[in-house]
């Protein structure tokens, strides 16, 4: 039987994007350094993935300073939360049909 993959969101196929969304779904926010450490990725890799998710409207980005140090804070948007929830539900359905 060929599985139905139509509910899966291509934006979340990457391990890094899945990790970003997972972290932001269970936390109010996370800064760049926290996500970088948690996901064990390079600055450029994380910047690329967060920029893509921001362009899709799934996360928001707030640039600020703490003292004199720049700090980038990310939050999941309502649209992102719904898209991620739909993706997880599609994954769960896929697993149910395959087991």
C-alpha atoms as a PDB file:
ATOM      1  CA  UNK A   1       0.000   0.000   0.000  1.00  0.00           C
ATOM      2  CA  UNK A   2       1.334   3.459  -0.929  1.00  0.00           C
ATOM      3  CA  UNK A   3       1.164   5.825   2.064  1.00  0.00           C
ATOM      4  CA  UNK A   4      -0.767   9.084   1.811  1.00  0.00           C
ATOM      5  CA  UNK A   5       1.809  11.868   2.230  1.00  0.00           C
ATOM      6  CA  UNK A   6      -0.432  14.786   1.279  1.00  0.00           C
ATOM      7  CA  UNK A   7      -0.774  16.171   4.821  1.00  0.00           C
ATOM      8  CA  UNK A   8       2.964  16.439   5.379  1.00  0.00           C
ATOM      9  CA  UNK A   9       4.478  19.912   5.170  1.00  0.00           C
ATOM     10  CA  UNK A  10       7.677  20.089   3.095  1.00  0.00           C
ATOM     11  CA  UNK A  11       8.856  23.033   5.205  1.00  0.00           C
ATOM     12  CA  UNK A  12       9.412  20.622   8.094  1.00  0.00           C
ATOM     13  CA  UNK A  13      11.313  17.883   6.222  1.00  0.00           C
ATOM     14  CA  UNK A  14      14.663  19.163   7.478  1.00  0.00           C
ATOM     15  CA  UNK A  15      15.900  17.942  10.862  1.00  0.00           C
ATOM     16  CA  UNK A  16      16.879  21.516  11.721  1.00  0.00           C
ATOM     17  CA  UNK A  17      13.502  23.053  10.847  1.00  0.00           C
ATOM     18  CA  UNK A  18      11.708  20.280  12.680  1.00  0.00           C
ATOM     19  CA  UNK A  19      13.925  20.980  15.698  1.00  0.00           C
ATOM     20  CA  UNK A  20      13.339  24.729  15.551  1.00  0.00           C
ATOM     21  CA  UNK A  21       9.582  24.264  15.412  1.00  0.00           C
ATOM     22  CA  UNK A  22       9.623  21.649  18.177  1.00  0.00           C
ATOM     23  CA  UNK A  23      11.620  23.919  20.479  1.00  0.00           C
ATOM     24  CA  UNK A  24       9.417  26.931  19.800  1.00  0.00           C
ATOM     25  CA  UNK A  25       6.190  24.946  20.108  1.00  0.00           C
ATOM     26  CA  UNK A  26       6.960  24.066  23.733  1.00  0.00           C
ATOM     27  CA  UNK A  27       8.709  27.296  24.776  1.00  0.00           C
ATOM     28  CA  UNK A  28       7.456  30.863  24.674  1.00  0.00           C
ATOM     29  CA  UNK A  29      10.614  31.843  22.792  1.00  0.00           C
ATOM     30  CA  UNK A  30      14.220  30.866  22.191  1.00  0.00           C
ATOM     31  CA  UNK A  31      17.213  32.937  21.205  1.00  0.00           C
ATOM     32  CA  UNK A  32      19.698  32.190  18.455  1.00  0.00           C
ATOM     33  CA  UNK A  33      22.412  30.884  20.784  1.00  0.00           C
ATOM     34  CA  UNK A  34      19.992  28.532  22.543  1.00  0.00           C
ATOM     35  CA  UNK A  35      18.702  27.055  19.281  1.00  0.00           C
ATOM     36  CA  UNK A  36      22.234  26.752  17.900  1.00  0.00           C
ATOM     37  CA  UNK A  37      23.365  24.826  20.974  1.00  0.00           C
ATOM     38  CA  UNK A  38      20.242  22.682  21.174  1.00  0.00           C
ATOM     39  CA  UNK A  39      20.334  21.680  17.507  1.00  0.00           C
ATOM     40  CA  UNK A  40      24.141  21.507  17.224  1.00  0.00           C
ATOM     41  CA  UNK A  41      24.310  23.478  13.970  1.00  0.00           C
ATOM     42  CA  UNK A  42      26.470  26.255  12.585  1.00  0.00           C
ATOM     43  CA  UNK A  43      25.479  29.924  12.631  1.00  0.00           C
ATOM     44  CA  UNK A  44      24.940  29.936   8.869  1.00  0.00           C
ATOM     45  CA  UNK A  45      22.875  26.766   8.883  1.00  0.00           C
ATOM     46  CA  UNK A  46      20.587  28.031  11.645  1.00  0.00           C
ATOM     47  CA  UNK A  47      20.288  31.483  10.055  1.00  0.00           C
ATOM     48  CA  UNK A  48      19.258  29.936   6.739  1.00  0.00           C
ATOM     49  CA  UNK A  49      16.579  27.725   8.262  1.00  0.00           C
ATOM     50  CA  UNK A  50      15.159  30.402  10.563  1.00  0.00           C
ATOM     51  CA  UNK A  51      15.019  32.871   7.676  1.00  0.00           C
ATOM     52  CA  UNK A  52      13.069  30.354   5.585  1.00  0.00           C
ATOM     53  CA  UNK A  53      10.589  29.653   8.400  1.00  0.00           C
ATOM     54  CA  UNK A  54      10.196  33.389   8.981  1.00  0.00           C
ATOM     55  CA  UNK A  55       9.501  34.001   5.272  1.00  0.00           C
ATOM     56  CA  UNK A  56       6.776  31.337   5.441  1.00  0.00           C
ATOM     57  CA  UNK A  57       5.222  33.157   8.415  1.00  0.00           C
ATOM     58  CA  UNK A  58       5.811  30.217  10.777  1.00  0.00           C
ATOM     59  CA  UNK A  59       8.130  32.027  13.188  1.00  0.00           C
ATOM     60  CA  UNK A  60       8.792  35.639  14.112  1.00  0.00           C
ATOM     61  CA  UNK A  61      12.196  37.165  14.734  1.00  0.00           C
ATOM     62  CA  UNK A  62      12.975  40.007  17.136  1.00  0.00           C
ATOM     63  CA  UNK A  63      16.421  41.576  17.033  1.00  0.00           C
ATOM     64  CA  UNK A  64      17.433  43.415  20.174  1.00  0.00           C
ATOM     65  CA  UNK A  65      20.408  44.225  22.358  1.00  0.00           C
ATOM     66  CA  UNK A  66      21.136  42.892  25.818  1.00  0.00           C
ATOM     67  CA  UNK A  67      23.610  45.379  27.138  1.00  0.00           C
ATOM     68  CA  UNK A  68      25.847  45.926  24.128  1.00  0.00           C
ATOM     69  CA  UNK A  69      25.446  42.419  22.718  1.00  0.00           C
ATOM     70  CA  UNK A  70      23.024  41.695  19.880  1.00  0.00           C
ATOM     71  CA  UNK A  71      20.391  39.068  20.613  1.00  0.00           C
ATOM     72  CA  UNK A  72      17.935  37.477  18.189  1.00  0.00           C
ATOM     73  CA  UNK A  73      14.778  36.025  19.709  1.00  0.00           C
ATOM     74  CA  UNK A  74      12.426  33.661  17.872  1.00  0.00           C
ATOM     75  CA  UNK A  75       8.779  32.831  18.560  1.00  0.00           C
ATOM     76  CA  UNK A  76       6.343  30.534  16.818  1.00  0.00           C
ATOM     77  CA  UNK A  77       3.411  32.321  15.164  1.00  0.00           C
ATOM     78  CA  UNK A  78      -0.212  31.165  15.297  1.00  0.00           C
ATOM     79  CA  UNK A  79       0.097  30.193  11.628  1.00  0.00           C
ATOM     80  CA  UNK A  80       3.275  28.262  12.396  1.00  0.00           C
ATOM     81  CA  UNK A  81       1.726  26.488  15.364  1.00  0.00           C
ATOM     82  CA  UNK A  82      -1.223  25.356  13.229  1.00  0.00           C
ATOM     83  CA  UNK A  83       0.996  24.254  10.330  1.00  0.00           C
ATOM     84  CA  UNK A  84       3.252  22.320  12.699  1.00  0.00           C
ATOM     85  CA  UNK A  85       0.274  20.708  14.437  1.00  0.00           C
ATOM     86  CA  UNK A  86      -1.133  19.649  11.049  1.00  0.00           C
ATOM     87  CA  UNK A  87       2.242  18.189  10.083  1.00  0.00           C
ATOM     88  CA  UNK A  88       2.499  16.201  13.323  1.00  0.00           C
ATOM     89  CA  UNK A  89      -1.058  14.911  12.895  1.00  0.00           C
ATOM     90  CA  UNK A  90      -0.216  13.789   9.344  1.00  0.00           C
ATOM     91  CA  UNK A  91       2.897  11.999  10.652  1.00  0.00           C
ATOM     92  CA  UNK A  92       0.813  10.259  13.315  1.00  0.00           C
ATOM     93  CA  UNK A  93      -1.713   9.133  10.698  1.00  0.00           C
ATOM     94  CA  UNK A  94       1.080   7.862   8.469  1.00  0.00           C
ATOM     95  CA  UNK A  95       2.527   5.819  11.329  1.00  0.00           C
ATOM     96  CA  UNK A  96      -0.883   4.379  12.200  1.00  0.00           C
ATOM     97  CA  UNK A  97      -1.389   3.136   8.656  1.00  0.00           C
ATOM     98  CA  UNK A  98       2.120   1.680   8.427  1.00  0.00           C
ATOM     99  CA  UNK A  99       2.230  -0.220  11.734  1.00  0.00           C
END
